[in-house]
């Protein structure tokens, strides 16, 4: 029934499927990376009135020395009773 399906033809079909799939994936990635962002994900047009470009949201959060966390109290493990 499939006498034409020699080893070489089968290998060629496998390679063709891989090449076509890679080309389609490349086109999809190109379209995804070059499409315009939705309005909700775009940064605001103005700086929001911040001086010298300083933005609190992009600065690291201050921590207390010793790794005690925000409360200043060291955490203790609960003992099993």
N, C-alpha and C. Protein backbone atom coordinates (compact mmCIF):
# COMPACT_ATOMS: atom_id res chain seq x y z
N UNK A 1 0.81 -1.18 0.00
CA UNK A 1 0.00 0.00 0.00
C UNK A 1 0.86 1.26 0.00
N UNK A 2 1.87 1.29 0.87
CA UNK A 2 2.76 2.45 0.92
C UNK A 2 4.14 2.07 0.39
N UNK A 3 4.18 1.54 -0.80
CA UNK A 3 5.46 1.11 -1.36
C UNK A 3 6.39 2.27 -1.65
N UNK A 4 5.82 3.45 -1.90
CA UNK A 4 6.66 4.62 -2.19
C UNK A 4 7.36 5.14 -0.94
N UNK A 5 6.88 4.71 0.24
CA UNK A 5 7.40 5.24 1.50
C UNK A 5 8.70 4.52 1.88
N UNK A 6 9.76 4.94 1.22
CA UNK A 6 11.07 4.39 1.54
C UNK A 6 11.63 5.15 2.73
N UNK A 7 12.75 4.71 3.21
CA UNK A 7 13.40 5.37 4.35
C UNK A 7 13.73 6.81 4.01
N UNK A 8 14.20 7.08 2.79
CA UNK A 8 14.57 8.43 2.40
C UNK A 8 13.35 9.36 2.32
N UNK A 9 12.23 8.86 1.80
CA UNK A 9 11.01 9.67 1.72
C UNK A 9 10.49 9.98 3.13
N UNK A 10 10.51 9.00 4.02
CA UNK A 10 10.06 9.22 5.38
C UNK A 10 10.94 10.26 6.08
N UNK A 11 12.26 10.13 5.91
CA UNK A 11 13.18 11.12 6.51
C UNK A 11 12.93 12.52 5.94
N UNK A 12 12.65 12.61 4.65
CA UNK A 12 12.37 13.91 4.03
C UNK A 12 11.08 14.50 4.59
N UNK A 13 10.08 13.68 4.83
CA UNK A 13 8.83 14.17 5.41
C UNK A 13 9.05 14.70 6.83
N UNK A 14 9.83 13.99 7.60
CA UNK A 14 10.12 14.43 8.97
C UNK A 14 10.86 15.76 8.95
N UNK A 15 11.86 15.88 8.09
CA UNK A 15 12.62 17.13 7.99
C UNK A 15 11.72 18.27 7.52
N UNK A 16 10.83 18.00 6.57
CA UNK A 16 9.91 19.03 6.08
C UNK A 16 8.99 19.51 7.18
N UNK A 17 8.48 18.61 8.00
CA UNK A 17 7.61 18.99 9.10
C UNK A 17 8.36 19.85 10.11
N UNK A 18 9.59 19.50 10.41
CA UNK A 18 10.39 20.28 11.36
C UNK A 18 10.68 21.67 10.80
N UNK A 19 11.03 21.77 9.53
CA UNK A 19 11.34 23.07 8.91
C UNK A 19 10.09 23.95 8.87
N UNK A 20 8.96 23.38 8.46
CA UNK A 20 7.72 24.16 8.40
C UNK A 20 7.30 24.62 9.80
N UNK A 21 7.40 23.75 10.77
CA UNK A 21 7.07 24.13 12.15
C UNK A 21 7.99 25.21 12.68
N UNK A 22 9.28 25.12 12.38
CA UNK A 22 10.21 26.17 12.80
C UNK A 22 9.91 27.50 12.14
N UNK A 23 9.55 27.46 10.86
CA UNK A 23 9.22 28.71 10.16
C UNK A 23 7.96 29.34 10.74
N UNK A 24 6.95 28.53 11.01
CA UNK A 24 5.72 29.06 11.61
C UNK A 24 5.97 29.61 13.01
N UNK A 25 6.81 28.95 13.78
CA UNK A 25 7.14 29.44 15.12
C UNK A 25 7.88 30.78 15.03
N UNK A 26 8.80 30.90 14.07
CA UNK A 26 9.54 32.15 13.91
C UNK A 26 8.61 33.29 13.51
N UNK A 27 7.66 33.02 12.62
CA UNK A 27 6.70 34.06 12.23
C UNK A 27 5.85 34.46 13.43
N UNK A 28 5.41 33.50 14.21
CA UNK A 28 4.58 33.81 15.39
C UNK A 28 5.37 34.64 16.40
N UNK A 29 6.61 34.27 16.67
CA UNK A 29 7.43 35.04 17.60
C UNK A 29 7.66 36.46 17.09
N UNK A 30 7.93 36.60 15.79
CA UNK A 30 8.15 37.92 15.21
C UNK A 30 6.89 38.78 15.37
N UNK A 31 5.73 38.21 15.10
CA UNK A 31 4.48 38.97 15.25
C UNK A 31 4.21 39.34 16.70
N UNK A 32 4.52 38.42 17.63
CA UNK A 32 4.29 38.71 19.04
C UNK A 32 5.19 39.83 19.55
N UNK A 33 6.45 39.80 19.13
CA UNK A 33 7.40 40.81 19.63
C UNK A 33 7.27 42.16 18.95
N UNK A 34 6.63 42.23 17.79
CA UNK A 34 6.52 43.50 17.09
C UNK A 34 5.13 44.10 17.16
N UNK A 35 4.18 43.44 17.83
CA UNK A 35 2.84 44.00 17.92
C UNK A 35 2.81 45.13 18.93
N UNK A 36 1.90 46.08 18.78
CA UNK A 36 1.79 47.15 19.77
C UNK A 36 1.22 46.62 21.08
N UNK A 37 1.67 47.18 22.18
CA UNK A 37 1.19 46.76 23.49
C UNK A 37 -0.23 47.26 23.71
N UNK A 38 -1.03 46.51 24.46
CA UNK A 38 -2.36 47.01 24.81
C UNK A 38 -2.24 48.26 25.68
N UNK A 39 -3.27 49.10 25.69
CA UNK A 39 -3.24 50.35 26.44
C UNK A 39 -2.96 50.12 27.93
N UNK A 40 -3.49 49.05 28.51
CA UNK A 40 -3.33 48.82 29.95
C UNK A 40 -1.90 48.49 30.34
N UNK A 41 -1.09 48.00 29.41
CA UNK A 41 0.29 47.62 29.73
C UNK A 41 1.30 48.71 29.37
N UNK A 42 0.85 49.77 28.72
CA UNK A 42 1.77 50.82 28.30
C UNK A 42 2.10 51.73 29.48
N UNK A 43 3.35 52.20 29.57
CA UNK A 43 3.70 53.13 30.64
C UNK A 43 3.01 54.47 30.42
N UNK A 44 2.78 55.23 31.48
CA UNK A 44 2.13 56.53 31.31
C UNK A 44 3.01 57.47 30.49
N UNK A 45 2.35 58.40 29.78
CA UNK A 45 3.08 59.33 28.93
C UNK A 45 3.89 60.34 29.74
N UNK A 46 3.36 60.80 30.87
CA UNK A 46 4.10 61.78 31.67
C UNK A 46 4.81 61.08 32.81
N UNK A 47 5.73 61.80 33.46
CA UNK A 47 6.51 61.22 34.55
C UNK A 47 5.74 61.22 35.86
N UNK A 48 4.52 61.71 35.85
CA UNK A 48 3.71 61.69 37.06
C UNK A 48 4.12 62.76 38.06
N UNK A 49 4.80 63.81 37.61
CA UNK A 49 5.19 64.90 38.50
C UNK A 49 6.39 64.59 39.36
N UNK A 50 7.11 63.54 39.09
CA UNK A 50 8.28 63.20 39.89
C UNK A 50 9.47 64.02 39.44
N UNK A 51 10.26 64.46 40.39
CA UNK A 51 11.42 65.29 40.08
C UNK A 51 12.63 64.43 39.76
N UNK A 52 13.40 64.86 38.82
CA UNK A 52 14.67 64.22 38.44
C UNK A 52 14.51 62.75 38.07
N UNK A 53 13.33 62.35 37.68
CA UNK A 53 13.11 60.98 37.24
C UNK A 53 13.10 59.97 38.37
N UNK A 54 13.10 60.44 39.63
CA UNK A 54 13.08 59.52 40.77
C UNK A 54 11.70 58.92 40.90
N UNK A 55 11.64 57.62 41.00
CA UNK A 55 10.36 56.94 41.12
C UNK A 55 10.46 55.96 42.27
N UNK A 56 9.63 56.15 43.28
CA UNK A 56 9.66 55.27 44.45
C UNK A 56 9.44 53.82 44.10
N UNK A 57 8.60 53.57 43.11
CA UNK A 57 8.26 52.19 42.78
C UNK A 57 9.43 51.39 42.22
N UNK A 58 10.44 52.08 41.71
CA UNK A 58 11.56 51.36 41.11
C UNK A 58 12.76 51.26 42.04
N UNK A 59 12.67 51.85 43.22
CA UNK A 59 13.78 51.81 44.15
C UNK A 59 13.65 50.59 45.06
N UNK A 60 14.78 50.05 45.54
CA UNK A 60 14.70 48.90 46.43
C UNK A 60 14.04 49.29 47.75
N UNK A 61 13.31 48.37 48.33
CA UNK A 61 12.65 48.63 49.61
C UNK A 61 13.68 48.63 50.72
N UNK A 62 13.59 49.58 51.66
CA UNK A 62 14.56 49.59 52.76
C UNK A 62 14.33 48.40 53.69
N UNK A 63 15.41 47.87 54.20
CA UNK A 63 15.31 46.76 55.14
C UNK A 63 16.06 47.13 56.40
N UNK A 64 15.71 46.49 57.48
CA UNK A 64 16.41 46.76 58.73
C UNK A 64 17.64 45.87 58.80
N UNK A 65 18.70 46.33 59.47
CA UNK A 65 19.91 45.51 59.55
C UNK A 65 19.65 44.23 60.33
N UNK A 66 20.32 43.21 59.96
CA UNK A 66 20.21 41.94 60.66
C UNK A 66 19.13 41.04 60.11
N UNK A 67 18.45 41.50 59.08
CA UNK A 67 17.44 40.65 58.46
C UNK A 67 16.25 40.37 59.35
N UNK A 68 15.87 41.35 60.18
CA UNK A 68 14.76 41.10 61.10
C UNK A 68 13.42 41.35 60.45
N UNK A 69 13.39 41.95 59.28
CA UNK A 69 12.12 42.21 58.60
C UNK A 69 11.57 43.57 58.95
N UNK A 70 10.33 43.82 58.62
CA UNK A 70 9.73 45.14 58.80
C UNK A 70 9.43 45.45 60.26
N UNK A 71 9.07 44.46 61.05
CA UNK A 71 8.63 44.73 62.41
C UNK A 71 9.78 44.98 63.37
N UNK A 72 10.98 44.59 63.01
CA UNK A 72 12.12 44.77 63.89
C UNK A 72 12.28 43.65 64.89
N UNK A 73 11.35 42.72 64.92
CA UNK A 73 11.42 41.60 65.85
C UNK A 73 11.98 40.39 65.12
N UNK A 74 12.84 39.68 65.82
CA UNK A 74 13.36 38.46 65.22
C UNK A 74 12.30 37.38 65.31
N UNK A 75 12.19 36.61 64.25
CA UNK A 75 11.20 35.54 64.23
C UNK A 75 11.73 34.32 64.94
N UNK A 76 10.87 33.71 65.71
CA UNK A 76 11.25 32.49 66.37
C UNK A 76 10.41 31.35 65.79
N UNK A 77 11.02 30.21 65.77
CA UNK A 77 10.28 29.04 65.31
C UNK A 77 9.38 28.58 66.44
N UNK A 78 8.20 28.16 66.05
CA UNK A 78 7.28 27.63 67.05
C UNK A 78 7.76 26.25 67.48
N UNK A 79 7.80 26.05 68.78
CA UNK A 79 8.23 24.74 69.24
C UNK A 79 7.04 23.79 69.23
N UNK A 80 7.34 22.55 68.92
CA UNK A 80 6.29 21.55 68.89
C UNK A 80 5.99 21.12 70.32
N UNK A 81 4.74 21.18 70.70
CA UNK A 81 4.37 20.81 72.06
C UNK A 81 3.70 19.47 72.09
